[in-house]
Amino acid sequence: MEVIQAVLVYLTLGYAVFFLAKKYILPKGFFGLKKESKGSCGQDNCGCH
């Protein structure tokens, strides 16, 4: 039972470190998740407001 707890703790710690690195340290386009489409809201004359 102690082994399972240790594995879960390390997995949780690893996920937390990865999340923080992804959010604050790594560049935005590193994982290719940021996709901008033309005419997206926030640009001038987008017609969404």
C-alpha atoms as a PDB file:
ATOM      1  CA  MET A   1       0.000   0.000   0.000  1.00  0.00           C
ATOM      2  CA  GLU A   2       2.876   2.371   0.721  1.00  0.00           C
ATOM      3  CA  VAL A   3       4.327   1.768  -2.731  1.00  0.00           C
ATOM      4  CA  ILE A   4       1.066   2.780  -4.398  1.00  0.00           C
ATOM      5  CA  GLN A   5       0.924   5.961  -2.323  1.00  0.00           C
ATOM      6  CA  ALA A   6       4.503   6.847  -3.227  1.00  0.00           C
ATOM      7  CA  VAL A   7       3.837   6.297  -6.934  1.00  0.00           C
ATOM      8  CA  LEU A   8       0.700   8.459  -6.797  1.00  0.00           C
ATOM      9  CA  VAL A   9       2.573  11.226  -4.972  1.00  0.00           C
ATOM     10  CA  TYR A  10       5.363  11.260  -7.565  1.00  0.00           C
ATOM     11  CA  LEU A  11       2.901  11.210 -10.460  1.00  0.00           C
ATOM     12  CA  THR A  12       0.992  14.123  -8.952  1.00  0.00           C
ATOM     13  CA  LEU A  13       4.199  16.050  -8.338  1.00  0.00           C
ATOM     14  CA  GLY A  14       5.359  15.383 -11.897  1.00  0.00           C
ATOM     15  CA  TYR A  15       2.043  16.560 -13.323  1.00  0.00           C
ATOM     16  CA  ALA A  16       2.138  19.730 -11.204  1.00  0.00           C
ATOM     17  CA  VAL A  17       5.693  20.564 -12.312  1.00  0.00           C
ATOM     18  CA  PHE A  18       4.794  19.905 -15.959  1.00  0.00           C
ATOM     19  CA  PHE A  19       1.692  22.106 -15.699  1.00  0.00           C
ATOM     20  CA  LEU A  20       3.596  24.995 -14.135  1.00  0.00           C
ATOM     21  CA  ALA A  21       6.409  24.718 -16.676  1.00  0.00           C
ATOM     22  CA  LYS A  22       3.908  24.644 -19.524  1.00  0.00           C
ATOM     23  CA  LYS A  23       1.982  27.611 -18.154  1.00  0.00           C
ATOM     24  CA  TYR A  24       4.825  29.927 -17.098  1.00  0.00           C
ATOM     25  CA  ILE A  25       8.195  28.811 -18.472  1.00  0.00           C
ATOM     26  CA  LEU A  26       7.809  27.262 -21.924  1.00  0.00           C
ATOM     27  CA  PRO A  27       6.899  29.428 -24.924  1.00  0.00           C
ATOM     28  CA  LYS A  28       3.252  29.513 -26.018  1.00  0.00           C
ATOM     29  CA  GLY A  29       3.816  27.781 -29.365  1.00  0.00           C
ATOM     30  CA  PHE A  30       6.002  25.008 -27.953  1.00  0.00           C
ATOM     31  CA  PHE A  31       3.223  22.412 -27.979  1.00  0.00           C
ATOM     32  CA  GLY A  32       1.466  23.771 -31.056  1.00  0.00           C
ATOM     33  CA  LEU A  33      -1.737  24.377 -29.131  1.00  0.00           C
ATOM     34  CA  LYS A  34      -2.152  28.056 -29.918  1.00  0.00           C
ATOM     35  CA  LYS A  35      -4.019  28.379 -33.198  1.00  0.00           C
ATOM     36  CA  GLU A  36      -5.211  31.757 -34.329  1.00  0.00           C
ATOM     37  CA  SER A  37      -7.929  31.960 -36.931  1.00  0.00           C
ATOM     38  CA  LYS A  38      -8.512  34.941 -39.168  1.00  0.00           C
ATOM     39  CA  GLY A  39     -11.237  37.271 -37.990  1.00  0.00           C
ATOM     40  CA  SER A  40     -11.079  36.073 -34.417  1.00  0.00           C
ATOM     41  CA  CYS A  41     -12.624  38.197 -31.740  1.00  0.00           C
ATOM     42  CA  GLY A  42     -10.440  40.940 -30.386  1.00  0.00           C
ATOM     43  CA  GLN A  43      -9.204  42.218 -33.702  1.00  0.00           C
ATOM     44  CA  ASP A  44     -10.449  45.480 -35.199  1.00  0.00           C
ATOM     45  CA  ASN A  45     -13.835  45.365 -36.923  1.00  0.00           C
ATOM     46  CA  CYS A  46     -14.461  41.719 -36.140  1.00  0.00           C
ATOM     47  CA  GLY A  47     -18.213  42.343 -35.765  1.00  0.00           C
ATOM     48  CA  CYS A  48     -18.546  40.364 -32.557  1.00  0.00           C
ATOM     49  CA  HIS A  49     -19.266  43.300 -30.200  1.00  0.00           C
END
